């Protein structure tokens, strides 16, 4: 069975992990042109080795690639015991959104 990977979603999640707002910031981080990042989405093809090598242990690859596994906030919590800004907090019957 072939697995369809949504490259546009992968790029979006990569930017989310790094708190980047646009493709240009991600491209600079990866050492490629902005056009290269845009072409990945258009062609639904990506340089996985480059992407995964740059991320190291910053992200759960299952979450990055297929959106299953630990979110970046869960990884931070496990490592530090602290929440990332913007995480939801639960208190009794209310859910509160913490702003950065």
Protein backbone atom coordinates (compact mmCIF):
# COMPACT_ATOMS: atom_id res chain seq x y z
CA UNK A 1 0.00 0.00 0.00
CA UNK A 2 1.36 3.39 -1.02
CA UNK A 3 1.15 6.28 1.41
CA UNK A 4 0.23 9.66 -0.02
CA UNK A 5 2.24 12.43 1.58
CA UNK A 6 0.86 15.95 1.49
CA UNK A 7 3.99 18.00 0.87
CA UNK A 8 2.13 21.29 1.32
CA UNK A 9 1.07 20.08 4.78
CA UNK A 10 4.63 18.97 5.58
CA UNK A 11 5.97 22.42 4.66
CA UNK A 12 3.24 24.06 6.75
CA UNK A 13 4.06 21.90 9.79
CA UNK A 14 7.81 22.54 9.31
CA UNK A 15 7.15 26.29 9.45
CA UNK A 16 4.92 25.79 12.49
CA UNK A 17 7.68 23.94 14.39
CA UNK A 18 10.15 26.72 13.70
CA UNK A 19 7.64 29.56 14.20
CA UNK A 20 8.21 30.77 10.64
CA UNK A 21 5.49 32.74 8.90
CA UNK A 22 6.46 32.20 5.27
CA UNK A 23 8.31 30.00 2.80
CA UNK A 24 11.21 32.45 2.57
CA UNK A 25 12.12 31.96 6.23
CA UNK A 26 11.99 28.17 5.87
CA UNK A 27 14.03 28.32 2.66
CA UNK A 28 16.74 30.39 4.34
CA UNK A 29 16.84 27.97 7.30
CA UNK A 30 17.20 25.00 4.93
CA UNK A 31 19.73 26.76 2.68
CA UNK A 32 17.59 26.61 -0.46
CA UNK A 33 15.74 29.22 -2.51
CA UNK A 34 12.16 30.24 -1.83
CA UNK A 35 11.31 28.95 -5.31
CA UNK A 36 12.58 25.49 -4.29
CA UNK A 37 10.19 25.39 -1.33
CA UNK A 38 7.33 26.57 -3.54
CA UNK A 39 8.18 23.93 -6.15
CA UNK A 40 8.02 21.20 -3.52
CA UNK A 41 4.36 22.01 -2.95
CA UNK A 42 3.58 22.37 -6.66
CA UNK A 43 5.21 19.03 -7.50
CA UNK A 44 4.21 17.28 -4.27
CA UNK A 45 7.85 16.28 -3.94
CA UNK A 46 10.32 17.28 -1.24
CA UNK A 47 13.98 16.78 -0.31
CA UNK A 48 13.28 14.62 2.74
CA UNK A 49 16.94 14.09 3.60
CA UNK A 50 17.58 17.83 3.77
CA UNK A 51 14.43 18.50 5.78
CA UNK A 52 14.94 15.69 8.28
CA UNK A 53 18.68 16.33 8.68
CA UNK A 54 18.00 19.97 9.57
CA UNK A 55 15.31 19.12 12.12
CA UNK A 56 17.32 16.58 14.09
CA UNK A 57 15.33 15.86 17.26
CA UNK A 58 13.25 19.07 17.17
CA UNK A 59 10.20 17.25 15.87
CA UNK A 60 8.49 13.87 15.84
CA UNK A 61 8.95 12.82 12.21
CA UNK A 62 5.63 10.94 12.22
CA UNK A 63 3.86 14.18 13.12
CA UNK A 64 5.83 16.19 10.56
CA UNK A 65 5.25 13.78 7.69
CA UNK A 66 1.83 12.24 8.30
CA UNK A 67 0.45 14.23 11.24
CA UNK A 68 0.46 11.28 13.62
CA UNK A 69 2.49 11.17 16.80
CA UNK A 70 3.66 13.89 19.16
CA UNK A 71 3.01 17.52 18.35
CA UNK A 72 5.81 20.04 18.95
CA UNK A 73 4.07 21.19 22.15
CA UNK A 74 4.05 17.63 23.51
CA UNK A 75 7.77 17.23 22.75
CA UNK A 76 8.56 20.47 24.61
CA UNK A 77 6.46 19.36 27.58
CA UNK A 78 8.25 16.02 27.78
CA UNK A 79 11.71 17.59 27.65
CA UNK A 80 11.14 20.54 29.95
CA UNK A 81 7.96 19.88 31.86
CA UNK A 82 6.78 23.29 30.61
CA UNK A 83 4.08 24.22 28.17
CA UNK A 84 4.76 26.20 25.01
CA UNK A 85 3.06 29.55 24.86
CA UNK A 86 -0.30 29.20 23.21
CA UNK A 87 -1.02 25.73 24.64
CA UNK A 88 -4.43 25.00 26.04
CA UNK A 89 -4.77 24.58 29.77
CA UNK A 90 -7.59 22.62 31.37
CA UNK A 91 -9.07 23.59 34.71
CA UNK A 92 -12.12 21.73 35.95
CA UNK A 93 -14.85 22.35 33.36
CA UNK A 94 -13.24 25.22 31.47
CA UNK A 95 -10.62 25.34 28.79
CA UNK A 96 -8.46 28.44 28.64
CA UNK A 97 -6.23 29.51 25.79
CA UNK A 98 -2.98 30.98 27.02
CA UNK A 99 -1.70 33.75 24.79
CA UNK A 100 2.04 34.28 24.28
